């Protein structure tokens, strides 16, 4: 899919729809070295912090992608057309530790424009992000006690903030 570069301030998004309904692929690692992993994510945020456009993602420590997020200086978030939803379900339910789940998904990893982490040829939106912050969620900070029910195994997410350094997308994401 041909994507155009979009200045971040011109991105036109439905962030709740992207996270809840369409999901993203979070990918981190080094495409050129062939060392990367991806996973489907539906929890995160897009916004502004420290006067920078940011993407916030969370990854549980047992996920294989966590290893790549810890080692890599960057990551990508890719959104896809509805016809790719099955591939995203597969990529969110299988581990890359035990086989080539990307190959099984039918999606095509490719070099990104500005970061080492790959993006995907079938994506309709690509956000390339440089990591600028990470921390582990601390349950002592949960002000709403019901949040703890998301962590029966006490496997609290690591939180990553990435500065969006490049955005590419189809025309639906470009504000006039």
Protein backbone atom coordinates (compact mmCIF):
# COMPACT_ATOMS: atom_id res chain seq x y z
CA UNK A 1 0.00 0.00 0.00
CA UNK A 2 1.44 3.38 -0.97
CA UNK A 3 1.67 5.65 2.04
CA UNK A 4 2.39 9.35 2.14
CA UNK A 5 4.49 11.06 4.78
CA UNK A 6 2.22 13.03 7.08
CA UNK A 7 3.47 15.79 9.39
CA UNK A 8 2.50 14.58 12.87
CA UNK A 9 0.53 17.75 13.55
CA UNK A 10 -1.59 16.93 10.46
CA UNK A 11 -2.46 13.38 11.54
CA UNK A 12 -6.19 12.81 11.64
CA UNK A 13 -6.93 9.90 13.96
CA UNK A 14 -9.72 8.24 15.86
CA UNK A 15 -7.44 7.06 18.67
CA UNK A 16 -10.04 5.07 20.62
CA UNK A 17 -11.14 3.33 17.44
CA UNK A 18 -7.56 2.55 16.45
CA UNK A 19 -6.74 0.97 19.82
CA UNK A 20 -10.07 -0.72 20.58
CA UNK A 21 -11.40 -1.78 17.20
CA UNK A 22 -8.53 -1.90 14.73
CA UNK A 23 -5.54 -2.60 17.01
CA UNK A 24 -1.91 -1.94 16.19
CA UNK A 25 1.10 -4.11 15.57
CA UNK A 26 3.90 -3.08 17.90
CA UNK A 27 7.25 -4.06 16.42
CA UNK A 28 10.72 -3.58 17.86
CA UNK A 29 14.21 -4.71 16.94
CA UNK A 30 16.54 -4.40 13.98
CA UNK A 31 15.10 -5.15 10.55
CA UNK A 32 18.47 -5.13 8.75
CA UNK A 33 19.89 -7.67 11.24
CA UNK A 34 16.76 -9.81 11.03
CA UNK A 35 16.31 -9.56 14.80
CA UNK A 36 12.87 -8.24 15.71
CA UNK A 37 9.48 -9.29 16.97
CA UNK A 38 5.94 -8.02 16.74
CA UNK A 39 2.76 -8.32 18.74
CA UNK A 40 -0.78 -7.03 18.48
CA UNK A 41 -1.61 -4.31 21.00
CA UNK A 42 -4.91 -2.76 21.92
CA UNK A 43 -3.85 -0.80 25.00
CA UNK A 44 -1.97 2.45 24.57
CA UNK A 45 -2.27 6.14 23.91
CA UNK A 46 -1.31 8.85 21.46
CA UNK A 47 -0.78 12.44 22.55
CA UNK A 48 1.68 15.13 23.51
CA UNK A 49 4.16 15.06 26.40
CA UNK A 50 7.22 17.20 26.98
CA UNK A 51 6.18 19.20 23.88
CA UNK A 52 6.66 16.10 21.70
CA UNK A 53 4.19 13.91 19.83
CA UNK A 54 4.20 10.58 21.65
CA UNK A 55 2.89 7.07 21.49
CA UNK A 56 2.53 5.14 24.73
CA UNK A 57 2.51 1.35 24.70
CA UNK A 58 2.53 -1.27 27.43
CA UNK A 59 4.05 -4.75 27.22
CA UNK A 60 3.89 -7.54 29.80
CA UNK A 61 7.33 -8.85 30.80
CA UNK A 62 6.65 -12.43 29.68
CA UNK A 63 5.92 -11.37 26.09
CA UNK A 64 8.78 -12.07 23.67
CA UNK A 65 8.41 -8.53 22.28
CA UNK A 66 9.33 -7.21 25.76
CA UNK A 67 12.91 -8.41 25.21
CA UNK A 68 13.13 -6.42 21.97
CA UNK A 69 11.53 -3.35 23.54
CA UNK A 70 14.14 -3.44 26.30
CA UNK A 71 17.06 -3.79 23.86
CA UNK A 72 15.93 -1.47 21.07
CA UNK A 73 16.07 2.29 20.83
CA UNK A 74 12.84 2.45 18.83
CA UNK A 75 9.60 0.77 17.81
CA UNK A 76 6.85 1.06 15.25
CA UNK A 77 3.08 1.00 15.49
CA UNK A 78 1.22 -0.11 12.37
CA UNK A 79 -2.52 -0.07 11.70
CA UNK A 80 -4.05 -2.21 8.96
CA UNK A 81 -7.11 -2.49 6.76
CA UNK A 82 -9.89 -4.74 8.06
CA UNK A 83 -8.89 -7.57 5.70
CA UNK A 84 -5.71 -8.03 7.83
CA UNK A 85 -7.60 -8.51 11.11
CA UNK A 86 -7.06 -12.28 11.06
CA UNK A 87 -3.30 -11.77 10.76
CA UNK A 88 -3.36 -9.43 13.76
CA UNK A 89 -5.30 -12.03 15.78
CA UNK A 90 -2.61 -14.60 14.96
CA UNK A 91 0.24 -12.20 15.79
CA UNK A 92 -1.37 -11.36 19.13
CA UNK A 93 -1.93 -14.97 20.17
CA UNK A 94 1.33 -16.70 19.14
CA UNK A 95 4.82 -16.20 20.45
CA UNK A 96 7.71 -15.43 18.12
CA UNK A 97 9.97 -17.49 20.41
CA UNK A 98 8.76 -20.76 18.98
CA UNK A 99 8.52 -20.04 15.26
CA UNK A 100 8.00 -17.62 12.41
CA UNK A 101 4.64 -16.15 13.33
CA UNK A 102 5.15 -13.21 10.96
CA UNK A 103 5.59 -15.61 8.05
CA UNK A 104 2.49 -17.51 9.18
CA UNK A 105 0.50 -14.26 9.28
CA UNK A 106 1.08 -13.51 5.59
CA UNK A 107 2.18 -9.94 6.39
CA UNK A 108 5.41 -8.51 4.96
CA UNK A 109 7.92 -6.84 7.28
CA UNK A 110 9.91 -4.08 5.59
CA UNK A 111 12.45 -1.40 6.42
CA UNK A 112 11.10 1.71 8.07
CA UNK A 113 12.08 5.22 7.00
CA UNK A 114 13.88 6.52 10.09
CA UNK A 115 14.11 3.75 12.71
CA UNK A 116 15.70 0.29 12.79
CA UNK A 117 12.48 -1.46 13.80
CA UNK A 118 10.48 -2.70 10.80
CA UNK A 119 7.06 -1.68 9.63
CA UNK A 120 4.74 -3.66 7.35
CA UNK A 121 4.02 -3.30 3.64
CA UNK A 122 0.27 -3.92 4.16
CA UNK A 123 -0.13 -1.18 6.81
CA UNK A 124 -2.38 1.79 6.20
CA UNK A 125 -0.72 3.79 8.99
CA UNK A 126 2.86 3.61 10.28
CA UNK A 127 4.11 5.51 13.30
CA UNK A 128 7.88 5.31 13.77
CA UNK A 129 8.87 6.03 17.36
CA UNK A 130 12.13 6.69 19.17
CA UNK A 131 11.94 5.49 22.79
CA UNK A 132 12.25 8.37 25.25
CA UNK A 133 10.99 6.80 28.50
CA UNK A 134 10.31 3.41 30.11
CA UNK A 135 9.12 2.29 33.50
CA UNK A 136 7.37 -0.64 35.13
CA UNK A 137 3.81 -0.13 36.27
CA UNK A 138 3.62 -0.09 40.07
CA UNK A 139 0.37 -1.44 41.55
CA UNK A 140 0.80 0.97 44.47
CA UNK A 141 -0.17 3.68 41.99
CA UNK A 142 -3.56 2.11 41.07
CA UNK A 143 -6.09 4.59 42.44
CA UNK A 144 -9.00 2.49 41.21
CA UNK A 145 -8.79 -0.92 42.91
CA UNK A 146 -10.56 -2.63 40.00
CA UNK A 147 -7.45 -2.12 37.82
CA UNK A 148 -5.67 -4.85 39.81
CA UNK A 149 -8.08 -7.42 38.31
CA UNK A 150 -6.09 -7.08 35.06
CA UNK A 151 -3.07 -8.55 36.87
CA UNK A 152 -4.09 -11.82 38.52
CA UNK A 153 -0.56 -13.13 37.84
CA UNK A 154 1.00 -9.85 39.08
CA UNK A 155 2.69 -9.49 35.68
CA UNK A 156 2.58 -5.73 35.54
CA UNK A 157 3.23 -4.11 32.19
CA UNK A 158 6.30 -2.13 31.30
CA UNK A 159 5.30 1.26 29.93
CA UNK A 160 7.17 2.81 27.01
CA UNK A 161 6.89 6.30 25.60
CA UNK A 162 8.10 6.88 22.10
CA UNK A 163 8.49 10.19 20.33
CA UNK A 164 6.76 9.87 16.97
CA UNK A 165 9.56 10.79 14.56
CA UNK A 166 7.82 9.76 11.33
CA UNK A 167 4.22 9.18 10.35
CA UNK A 168 3.10 7.66 7.06
CA UNK A 169 -0.41 6.80 6.12
CA UNK A 170 -3.15 6.57 3.58
CA UNK A 171 -5.14 9.69 2.76
CA UNK A 172 -7.73 8.93 5.46
CA UNK A 173 -5.11 9.92 8.08
CA UNK A 174 -4.09 13.24 6.51
CA UNK A 175 -6.02 16.29 7.74
CA UNK A 176 -6.57 18.86 5.01
